[in-house]
């Protein structure tokens, strides 16, 4: 079960990755016309509307992107299957059609069906579309029906399967929606405490990849909170909308950079050059883009207590920032780029105080991490035996060398069953985990390795993982 959920989380990164484009377009538009929403500028209106085209259609993007990401060979026919599934479900389950199917007046239809065009339905459509593609894209039909064989059969079967799913959802969706509303409401009604709890569990779920499920409740329009969409669409309440986003900025832009400095300074002298390169790159990634996995995976498994402390500090940050009603938002993650773009939005409230608090949080993280690492002798990077790592400028040769070295450290291509990648990780299925040489993997420049269960292995490469993964797949062939 966990393996499939992690695969789903990996595939979700593709549709989520389009959010920075929406953030850039809307951020620049609001920067040009922060008070008129484009009413005072044609250019601003054009940019804002372009960004909303992405934000408002995120469920469709989920359906298409997930189907593509979960398909065996990343084929466009899978994406078409996901789209067909989404259109069928959302059409059959429109309030008007539900009233007809249940033979009841329109005003008696469960309010959940008014929200049927949501990320949850997009995810279901994407998953089913991918399953139908993987099952039928090589299927041969009799000669009379040969035209519909293979990849053409996948969207057809998706439409067939979606009809009984729609009938099931006709009775299940009101229960699911009601439960999600109750869960989201119970947290949101706690105000700043709820925001703090969200931040705490968001970080705790990072190792499993299941944080995406939690995020969808609060950040997207699954149950009506839609913190990201409302903030960027300026449809919420100033000082409140954005409370599930703003508290991440002090952690990602400043706190984790302080943790990186602490890990660098507590490394053994002979390892500081190597660790410094790793921490500098990972720290810049966290500050500038909000991509924190290279830093978090550096200590997540070697010092789990430190990671727990990190989750607690994240929760505290969201609690404090939301208590003070300082708000800013992000389209992708809580980094410098998103902060600058969101700081001029109508619902941004005292955003630059978040930076002041962030500077304070830099020292909080630095002090706590340094004290705990020294007191409990946590084996953070550079505190183990001396390890030499090749640190070179980005190049095809470097990516090929790293891919080759990682493959060798994993026991060779004969030991690799499958490979894929997400934002920062090379995700693999291996025949024999005993063949892994973890010391050799660290020498390749990787931030670390994790074993989530079964035969799965994740090698933490960093934000350049795509290029390493491309070379890795070439080597497997």
Protein backbone atom coordinates (compact mmCIF):
# COMPACT_ATOMS: atom_id res chain seq x y z
CA UNK A 1 0.00 0.00 0.00
CA UNK A 2 2.75 2.43 1.01
CA UNK A 3 4.57 1.75 -2.25
CA UNK A 4 1.54 2.76 -4.31
CA UNK A 5 0.91 5.86 -2.22
CA UNK A 6 4.52 6.95 -2.65
CA UNK A 7 4.23 6.43 -6.39
CA UNK A 8 1.12 8.60 -6.36
CA UNK A 9 2.98 11.30 -4.44
CA UNK A 10 5.80 11.21 -6.98
CA UNK A 11 3.43 11.54 -9.91
CA UNK A 12 1.66 14.45 -8.21
CA UNK A 13 4.84 16.49 -8.46
CA UNK A 14 4.31 16.93 -12.21
CA UNK A 15 0.97 18.77 -12.01
CA UNK A 16 2.03 20.64 -8.86
CA UNK A 17 5.11 21.87 -10.73
CA UNK A 18 2.97 24.04 -13.01
CA UNK A 19 1.98 26.25 -10.07
CA UNK A 20 5.13 28.41 -10.26
CA UNK A 21 4.06 29.50 -13.74
CA UNK A 22 0.70 30.65 -12.37
CA UNK A 23 2.46 32.34 -9.47
CA UNK A 24 4.84 34.17 -11.77
CA UNK A 25 2.08 35.42 -14.08
CA UNK A 26 -0.29 36.49 -11.32
CA UNK A 27 2.50 37.87 -9.14
CA UNK A 28 3.82 40.13 -11.89
CA UNK A 29 0.25 41.16 -12.79
CA UNK A 30 -0.55 42.13 -9.22
CA UNK A 31 2.81 43.84 -8.92
CA UNK A 32 1.83 46.08 -11.85
CA UNK A 33 -1.67 46.72 -10.49
CA UNK A 34 -1.89 45.62 -6.82
CA UNK A 35 -5.18 47.36 -6.11
CA UNK A 36 -7.21 47.02 -9.29
CA UNK A 37 -6.69 43.35 -10.11
CA UNK A 38 -5.83 44.40 -13.63
CA UNK A 39 -8.73 46.84 -13.93
CA UNK A 40 -6.27 49.70 -14.30
CA UNK A 41 -3.87 47.98 -16.67
CA UNK A 42 -4.42 45.83 -19.73
CA UNK A 43 -1.03 44.18 -19.25
CA UNK A 44 -1.81 43.34 -15.61
CA UNK A 45 -5.24 41.97 -16.53
CA UNK A 46 -3.68 39.82 -19.24
CA UNK A 47 -1.07 38.36 -16.86
CA UNK A 48 -3.52 37.79 -13.98
CA UNK A 49 -6.05 36.07 -16.24
CA UNK A 50 -3.29 33.89 -17.67
CA UNK A 51 -2.29 32.78 -14.18
CA UNK A 52 -5.89 32.13 -13.16
CA UNK A 53 -6.24 29.87 -16.19
CA UNK A 54 -3.85 27.51 -14.39
CA UNK A 55 -5.10 27.96 -10.81
CA UNK A 56 -8.79 27.64 -11.69
CA UNK A 57 -8.23 24.47 -13.75
CA UNK A 58 -5.92 22.67 -11.36
CA UNK A 59 -8.26 19.62 -11.04
CA UNK A 60 -8.01 19.03 -14.81
CA UNK A 61 -4.25 19.48 -14.62
CA UNK A 62 -4.16 16.87 -11.85
CA UNK A 63 -6.17 14.43 -13.98
CA UNK A 64 -3.96 14.85 -17.04
CA UNK A 65 -0.64 15.11 -15.17
CA UNK A 66 -1.25 12.15 -12.85
CA UNK A 67 -2.35 9.90 -15.69
CA UNK A 68 0.86 10.79 -17.53
CA UNK A 69 3.09 10.38 -14.47
CA UNK A 70 1.62 7.01 -13.49
CA UNK A 71 1.67 5.54 -17.01
CA UNK A 72 4.28 2.93 -17.79
CA UNK A 73 5.92 4.75 -20.69
CA UNK A 74 4.79 8.37 -20.09
CA UNK A 75 2.56 8.46 -23.18
CA UNK A 76 0.07 11.15 -24.18
CA UNK A 77 -2.68 8.56 -24.61
CA UNK A 78 -2.63 8.10 -20.83
CA UNK A 79 -3.16 11.83 -20.36
CA UNK A 80 -6.11 11.71 -22.75
CA UNK A 81 -7.55 8.85 -20.68
CA UNK A 82 -7.25 10.93 -17.52
CA UNK A 83 -8.97 13.88 -19.21
CA UNK A 84 -11.80 11.68 -20.50
CA UNK A 85 -12.33 10.27 -17.03
CA UNK A 86 -12.43 13.71 -15.45
CA UNK A 87 -14.90 15.11 -17.97
CA UNK A 88 -17.19 12.12 -17.60
CA UNK A 89 -17.21 12.20 -13.78
CA UNK A 90 -17.71 15.93 -13.45
CA UNK A 91 -20.48 15.94 -16.06
CA UNK A 92 -22.43 13.00 -14.62
CA UNK A 93 -22.10 14.36 -11.07
CA UNK A 94 -23.11 17.95 -11.76
CA UNK A 95 -25.90 19.07 -9.44
CA UNK A 96 -28.37 19.20 -12.34
CA UNK A 97 -27.64 15.61 -13.39
CA UNK A 98 -27.63 14.37 -9.79
CA UNK A 99 -31.11 15.85 -9.34
CA UNK A 100 -32.23 13.95 -12.43
CA UNK A 101 -30.58 10.67 -11.40
CA UNK A 102 -32.02 10.83 -7.88
CA UNK A 103 -35.38 12.25 -9.03
CA UNK A 104 -35.24 15.10 -6.52
CA UNK A 105 -35.55 18.90 -6.86
CA UNK A 106 -32.33 20.74 -7.60
CA UNK A 107 -32.39 22.58 -4.27
CA UNK A 108 -32.37 19.24 -2.41
CA UNK A 109 -29.14 18.01 -4.02
CA UNK A 110 -26.31 17.50 -1.52
CA UNK A 111 -24.08 20.63 -1.51
CA UNK A 112 -21.03 18.42 -2.00
CA UNK A 113 -21.91 17.98 -5.68
CA UNK A 114 -21.50 21.72 -6.23
CA UNK A 115 -17.82 21.11 -5.40
CA UNK A 116 -17.38 18.02 -7.59
CA UNK A 117 -14.87 19.86 -9.82
CA UNK A 118 -12.02 19.48 -7.35
CA UNK A 119 -8.54 18.05 -6.91
CA UNK A 120 -9.85 14.81 -5.38
CA UNK A 121 -11.87 13.99 -8.51
CA UNK A 122 -8.89 15.01 -10.62
CA UNK A 123 -6.71 12.54 -8.74
CA UNK A 124 -9.24 9.71 -9.13
CA UNK A 125 -9.50 10.41 -12.86
CA UNK A 126 -5.73 10.49 -13.29
CA UNK A 127 -5.24 7.22 -11.42
CA UNK A 128 -7.99 5.39 -13.31
CA UNK A 129 -6.80 6.80 -16.63
CA UNK A 130 -3.27 5.55 -15.96
CA UNK A 131 -4.54 2.13 -14.86
CA UNK A 132 -6.59 1.74 -18.02
CA UNK A 133 -3.67 2.83 -20.16
CA UNK A 134 -1.22 0.45 -18.47
CA UNK A 135 -3.72 -2.41 -18.78
CA UNK A 136 -4.91 -1.91 -22.36
CA UNK A 137 -2.37 0.08 -24.40
CA UNK A 138 -0.94 -3.13 -25.88
CA UNK A 139 -4.23 -5.00 -26.16
CA UNK A 140 -5.03 -6.46 -29.60
CA UNK A 141 -8.71 -6.63 -30.60
CA UNK A 142 -10.25 -8.87 -33.32
CA UNK A 143 -9.69 -7.72 -36.91
CA UNK A 144 -13.11 -6.12 -37.21
CA UNK A 145 -12.30 -3.88 -34.24
CA UNK A 146 -8.57 -3.54 -34.86
CA UNK A 147 -8.85 0.24 -35.33
CA UNK A 148 -9.65 0.57 -31.62
CA UNK A 149 -6.74 -1.61 -30.45
CA UNK A 150 -3.76 -0.52 -28.37
CA UNK A 151 -3.50 3.05 -27.15
CA UNK A 152 -6.86 4.00 -28.67
CA UNK A 153 -8.51 1.47 -26.38
CA UNK A 154 -7.26 3.15 -23.19
CA UNK A 155 -9.56 6.23 -23.21
CA UNK A 156 -12.47 4.09 -24.37
CA UNK A 157 -12.06 1.73 -21.41
CA UNK A 158 -11.62 4.70 -19.10
CA UNK A 159 -15.02 6.04 -20.12
CA UNK A 160 -16.56 2.58 -19.57
CA UNK A 161 -15.03 2.22 -16.10
CA UNK A 162 -15.91 5.78 -15.08
CA UNK A 163 -19.66 5.21 -15.44
CA UNK A 164 -19.95 2.72 -12.54
CA UNK A 165 -17.46 4.84 -10.56
CA UNK A 166 -19.80 7.80 -11.05
CA UNK A 167 -22.72 5.75 -9.71
CA UNK A 168 -20.65 4.76 -6.66
CA UNK A 169 -19.63 8.36 -6.05
CA UNK A 170 -23.26 9.38 -6.31
CA UNK A 171 -23.67 7.85 -2.83
CA UNK A 172 -20.10 7.88 -1.51
CA UNK A 173 -19.12 11.45 -2.40
CA UNK A 174 -21.54 13.15 0.02
CA UNK A 175 -20.05 11.06 2.85
CA UNK A 176 -16.45 11.67 1.76
CA UNK A 177 -17.06 15.37 1.27
CA UNK A 178 -18.80 15.68 4.61
CA UNK A 179 -15.92 13.93 6.38
CA UNK A 180 -13.34 16.13 4.69
CA UNK A 181 -15.31 19.22 5.58
CA UNK A 182 -15.52 18.07 9.21
CA UNK A 183 -11.77 17.36 9.34
CA UNK A 184 -10.80 20.62 7.66
CA UNK A 185 -13.28 22.57 9.73
CA UNK A 186 -12.01 21.05 12.97
CA UNK A 187 -8.51 22.21 12.15
CA UNK A 188 -9.44 25.55 10.61
CA UNK A 189 -11.71 26.37 13.52
CA UNK A 190 -8.68 26.13 15.80
CA UNK A 191 -7.29 29.25 14.14
CA UNK A 192 -3.53 29.69 14.67
CA UNK A 193 -3.38 26.41 16.63
CA UNK A 194 -4.84 24.60 13.61
CA UNK A 195 -2.29 26.26 11.35
CA UNK A 196 0.46 25.11 13.70
CA UNK A 197 -0.82 21.54 13.70
CA UNK A 198 -0.95 21.60 9.90
CA UNK A 199 2.67 22.77 9.71
CA UNK A 200 3.80 20.09 12.17
CA UNK A 201 2.13 17.19 10.35
CA UNK A 202 3.12 18.59 6.95
CA UNK A 203 6.79 18.12 7.83
CA UNK A 204 6.30 14.76 9.56
CA UNK A 205 4.74 13.32 6.41
CA UNK A 206 7.57 14.42 4.10
CA UNK A 207 9.49 11.10 4.38
CA UNK A 208 6.47 9.14 3.16
CA UNK A 209 5.46 11.56 0.42
CA UNK A 210 1.94 11.60 1.89
CA UNK A 211 2.15 15.29 2.77
CA UNK A 212 0.55 15.96 -0.62
CA UNK A 213 -2.72 14.48 0.65
CA UNK A 214 -2.70 16.76 3.69
CA UNK A 215 -1.73 19.76 1.58
CA UNK A 216 -4.63 19.21 -0.81
CA UNK A 217 -7.12 19.67 2.04
CA UNK A 218 -5.82 23.08 3.07
CA UNK A 219 -4.09 24.50 0.00
CA UNK A 220 -6.51 23.46 -2.75
CA UNK A 221 -10.27 23.56 -3.16
CA UNK A 222 -10.94 20.04 -1.93
CA UNK A 223 -13.20 21.11 0.96
CA UNK A 224 -13.45 24.83 0.41
CA UNK A 225 -10.39 26.15 2.28
CA UNK A 226 -8.37 26.62 -0.93
CA UNK A 227 -5.74 28.75 0.81
CA UNK A 228 -3.48 29.07 -2.25
CA UNK A 229 -6.23 29.72 -4.77
CA UNK A 230 -8.03 32.24 -2.56
CA UNK A 231 -4.84 34.08 -1.66
CA UNK A 232 -3.69 34.47 -5.24
CA UNK A 233 -7.23 35.16 -6.40
CA UNK A 234 -7.69 37.76 -3.64
CA UNK A 235 -11.03 36.26 -2.67
CA UNK A 236 -10.40 35.74 1.03
CA UNK A 237 -9.91 37.78 4.21
CA UNK A 238 -6.82 39.94 4.68
CA UNK A 239 -4.71 38.65 7.55
CA UNK A 240 -6.45 35.24 7.50
CA UNK A 241 -6.21 33.86 3.97
CA UNK A 242 -2.64 32.63 3.57
CA UNK A 243 -2.33 31.43 7.18
CA UNK A 244 -1.54 27.92 5.95
CA UNK A 245 1.30 29.24 3.79
CA UNK A 246 2.97 32.24 5.44
CA UNK A 247 4.56 30.37 8.34
CA UNK A 248 6.60 28.20 5.99
CA UNK A 249 8.67 31.16 4.74
CA UNK A 250 10.68 31.64 7.98
CA UNK A 251 11.45 27.92 8.03
CA UNK A 252 12.41 27.38 4.40
CA UNK A 253 14.14 30.69 3.70
CA UNK A 254 15.91 31.09 7.05
CA UNK A 255 15.46 28.30 9.60
CA UNK A 256 16.82 25.46 7.51
CA UNK A 257 19.69 27.67 6.35
CA UNK A 258 20.56 28.12 10.04
CA UNK A 259 20.41 24.35 10.46
CA UNK A 260 22.73 23.97 7.47
CA UNK A 261 25.24 26.35 9.06
CA UNK A 262 25.07 24.39 12.32
CA UNK A 263 25.71 21.11 10.52
CA UNK A 264 28.62 22.65 8.65
CA UNK A 265 30.24 24.07 11.78
CA UNK A 266 29.85 20.83 13.74
CA UNK A 267 31.37 18.71 10.96
CA UNK A 268 34.87 17.33 11.43
CA UNK A 269 37.57 19.71 10.14
CA UNK A 270 38.68 17.30 7.43
CA UNK A 271 35.11 17.03 6.13
CA UNK A 272 34.15 20.71 6.21
CA UNK A 273 35.08 21.44 2.61
CA UNK A 274 32.87 18.68 1.32
CA UNK A 275 30.02 19.37 3.76
CA UNK A 276 30.26 23.10 3.05
CA UNK A 277 29.64 22.53 -0.65
CA UNK A 278 26.64 20.31 0.10
CA UNK A 279 25.14 22.69 2.68
CA UNK A 280 25.71 25.76 0.48
CA UNK A 281 23.88 24.23 -2.48
CA UNK A 282 21.06 22.80 -0.35
CA UNK A 283 20.72 26.01 1.65
CA UNK A 284 20.47 28.13 -1.48
CA UNK A 285 17.84 25.78 -2.87
CA UNK A 286 15.78 26.11 0.32
CA UNK A 287 16.12 29.91 0.48
CA UNK A 288 15.61 30.75 -3.18
CA UNK A 289 13.06 28.18 -4.35
CA UNK A 290 11.70 26.62 -1.15
CA UNK A 291 12.88 23.15 -2.18
CA UNK A 292 14.00 21.75 1.17
CA UNK A 293 14.39 18.03 0.56
CA UNK A 294 18.18 18.17 -0.07
CA UNK A 295 18.63 19.67 3.40
CA UNK A 296 15.96 17.67 5.22
CA UNK A 297 17.15 14.32 3.91
CA UNK A 298 20.66 15.20 5.03
CA UNK A 299 19.61 14.69 8.66
CA UNK A 300 16.18 13.07 8.52
CA UNK A 301 17.37 9.51 9.01
CA UNK A 302 20.76 9.97 10.64
CA UNK A 303 19.14 12.09 13.39
CA UNK A 304 15.36 11.47 13.51
CA UNK A 305 15.02 13.47 16.72
CA UNK A 306 16.44 16.51 14.92
CA UNK A 307 13.84 16.06 12.22
CA UNK A 308 11.10 15.86 14.84
CA UNK A 309 12.39 19.12 16.31
CA UNK A 310 12.30 20.61 12.81
CA UNK A 311 8.63 19.58 12.47
CA UNK A 312 7.82 21.14 15.86
CA UNK A 313 9.59 24.38 14.90
CA UNK A 314 7.63 24.47 11.63
CA UNK A 315 4.38 24.15 13.55
CA UNK A 316 5.44 26.91 15.95
CA UNK A 317 6.29 29.18 13.03
CA UNK A 318 2.86 28.76 11.45
CA UNK A 319 1.22 29.31 14.83
CA UNK A 320 3.10 32.54 15.55
CA UNK A 321 2.80 34.00 12.05
CA UNK A 322 -0.93 33.28 11.85
CA UNK A 323 -1.46 34.66 15.38
CA UNK A 324 0.15 37.93 14.29
CA UNK A 325 -1.90 37.82 11.04
CA UNK A 326 1.16 38.28 8.82
CA UNK A 327 0.40 36.70 5.46
CA UNK A 328 2.20 35.87 2.23
CA UNK A 329 1.64 33.05 -0.22
CA UNK A 330 3.29 30.79 -2.73
CA UNK A 331 2.47 29.07 -5.98
CA UNK A 332 5.12 26.38 -5.60
CA UNK A 333 6.95 26.61 -2.28
CA UNK A 334 7.91 29.12 0.37
CA UNK A 335 11.10 30.48 -1.17
CA UNK A 336 12.41 33.94 -2.02
CA UNK A 337 10.89 34.01 -5.53
CA UNK A 338 7.37 33.26 -4.34
CA UNK A 339 7.73 35.67 -1.44
CA UNK A 340 8.67 38.57 -3.70
CA UNK A 341 5.86 37.77 -6.14
CA UNK A 342 3.22 37.42 -3.42
CA UNK A 343 4.25 40.38 -1.27
CA UNK A 344 2.34 42.87 -3.46
CA UNK A 345 -0.89 40.87 -3.64
CA UNK A 346 -3.99 42.49 -2.12
CA UNK A 347 -4.23 39.90 0.68
CA UNK A 348 -0.55 40.11 1.68
CA UNK A 349 -0.56 41.54 5.22
CA UNK A 350 2.69 42.96 6.68
CA UNK A 351 4.67 40.42 4.62
CA UNK A 352 8.05 41.95 5.36
CA UNK A 353 7.58 41.26 9.07
CA UNK A 354 7.74 37.61 8.05
CA UNK A 355 11.32 38.27 6.89
CA UNK A 356 12.16 39.93 10.22
CA UNK A 357 10.80 36.89 12.04
CA UNK A 358 12.72 34.72 9.57
CA UNK A 359 16.03 36.28 10.58
CA UNK A 360 15.16 35.51 14.21
CA UNK A 361 14.26 31.94 13.22
CA UNK A 362 17.64 31.55 11.51
CA UNK A 363 19.32 31.96 14.89
CA UNK A 364 16.75 29.76 16.64
CA UNK A 365 17.38 26.89 14.24
CA UNK A 366 21.12 27.44 14.32
CA UNK A 367 21.31 27.44 18.13
CA UNK A 368 18.99 24.46 18.67
CA UNK A 369 20.60 22.33 15.96
CA UNK A 370 24.14 23.12 17.07
CA UNK A 371 23.42 22.38 20.75
CA UNK A 372 21.58 19.12 20.01
CA UNK A 373 24.14 17.88 17.49
CA UNK A 374 27.00 18.39 19.93
CA UNK A 375 25.17 17.25 23.07
CA UNK A 376 23.82 14.02 21.58
CA UNK A 377 26.60 13.49 19.02
CA UNK A 378 24.18 13.16 16.13
CA UNK A 379 25.90 11.84 12.99
CA UNK A 380 24.89 14.69 10.73
CA UNK A 381 26.88 15.13 7.48
CA UNK A 382 30.59 15.42 8.09
CA UNK A 383 30.59 13.96 11.62
CA UNK A 384 31.13 10.43 10.38
CA UNK A 385 34.33 9.08 8.86
CA UNK A 386 36.07 11.22 6.25
CA UNK A 387 34.30 10.99 2.92
CA UNK A 388 35.59 12.45 -0.32
CA UNK A 389 32.93 13.56 -2.77
CA UNK A 390 33.38 14.86 -6.26
CA UNK A 391 31.97 18.40 -6.43
CA UNK A 392 32.09 19.77 -9.98
CA UNK A 393 30.26 22.27 -12.08
CA UNK A 394 27.08 21.01 -13.75
CA UNK A 395 27.81 19.24 -17.01
CA UNK A 396 26.66 16.23 -18.96
CA UNK A 397 29.90 14.46 -18.04
CA UNK A 398 29.31 15.09 -14.35
CA UNK A 399 25.72 13.80 -14.53
CA UNK A 400 26.84 10.72 -16.42
CA UNK A 401 29.64 10.07 -13.93
CA UNK A 402 27.29 10.48 -10.97
CA UNK A 403 24.71 8.19 -12.57
CA UNK A 404 27.36 5.58 -13.31
CA UNK A 405 28.77 5.74 -9.79
CA UNK A 406 25.31 5.49 -8.22
CA UNK A 407 24.46 2.51 -10.42
CA UNK A 408 27.67 0.76 -9.40
CA UNK A 409 26.99 1.47 -5.72
CA UNK A 410 23.51 -0.06 -6.10
CA UNK A 411 24.93 -3.34 -7.36
CA UNK A 412 24.88 -2.75 -11.12
CA UNK A 413 22.07 -2.63 -13.64
CA UNK A 414 21.23 -6.30 -13.10
CA UNK A 415 20.07 -5.32 -9.59
CA UNK A 416 17.73 -2.54 -10.80
CA UNK A 417 14.12 -3.53 -11.47
CA UNK A 418 12.80 -0.05 -12.26
CA UNK A 419 13.82 3.59 -11.93
CA UNK A 420 12.07 6.94 -11.84
CA UNK A 421 12.56 10.32 -10.18
CA UNK A 422 10.68 13.11 -8.43
CA UNK A 423 11.71 16.64 -7.41
CA UNK A 424 14.96 15.66 -5.70
CA UNK A 425 15.04 11.87 -5.50
CA UNK A 426 16.03 9.01 -7.76
CA UNK A 427 13.37 6.37 -6.96
CA UNK A 428 14.28 2.74 -7.57
CA UNK A 429 13.11 -0.82 -7.14
CA UNK A 430 15.99 -3.25 -6.55
CA UNK A 431 16.32 -7.01 -6.63
CA UNK A 432 18.68 -7.25 -3.65
CA UNK A 433 19.08 -4.45 -1.09
CA UNK A 434 22.14 -6.17 0.41
CA UNK A 435 24.20 -5.15 -2.63
CA UNK A 436 23.89 -1.43 -1.80
CA UNK A 437 27.13 0.32 -0.84
CA UNK A 438 25.87 3.34 1.12
CA UNK A 439 29.33 4.79 1.68
CA UNK A 440 29.98 4.70 -2.08
CA UNK A 441 26.64 6.40 -2.73
CA UNK A 442 27.61 9.30 -0.45
CA UNK A 443 30.87 9.63 -2.34
CA UNK A 444 28.88 10.35 -5.52
CA UNK A 445 27.68 13.68 -4.11
CA UNK A 446 24.25 12.39 -3.15
CA UNK A 447 22.71 13.80 0.04
CA UNK A 448 21.80 10.32 1.27
CA UNK A 449 19.69 7.24 0.75
CA UNK A 450 16.39 6.05 2.20
CA UNK A 451 14.62 2.68 2.21
CA UNK A 452 10.86 3.30 2.55
CA UNK A 453 10.00 -0.39 2.54
CA UNK A 454 9.95 -3.51 0.40
CA UNK A 455 12.50 -3.33 -2.40
CA UNK A 456 12.19 0.45 -2.77
CA UNK A 457 15.22 2.71 -2.49
CA UNK A 458 15.40 6.50 -2.84
CA UNK A 459 18.74 8.18 -3.60
CA UNK A 460 18.64 11.89 -2.67
CA UNK A 461 20.30 13.65 -5.60
CA UNK A 462 18.99 17.23 -5.30
CA UNK A 463 17.25 19.58 -7.71
CA UNK A 464 19.36 18.35 -10.67
CA UNK A 465 17.94 14.85 -10.31
CA UNK A 466 16.28 14.88 -13.76
CA UNK A 467 19.64 15.03 -15.54
CA UNK A 468 21.14 12.29 -13.39
CA UNK A 469 17.99 10.17 -13.89
CA UNK A 470 18.18 10.60 -17.68
CA UNK A 471 21.77 9.35 -17.71
CA UNK A 472 20.85 6.57 -15.28
CA UNK A 473 18.13 5.26 -17.59
CA UNK A 474 20.53 5.35 -20.54
CA UNK A 475 22.95 3.19 -18.58
CA UNK A 476 20.19 0.69 -17.79
CA UNK A 477 19.51 0.27 -21.50
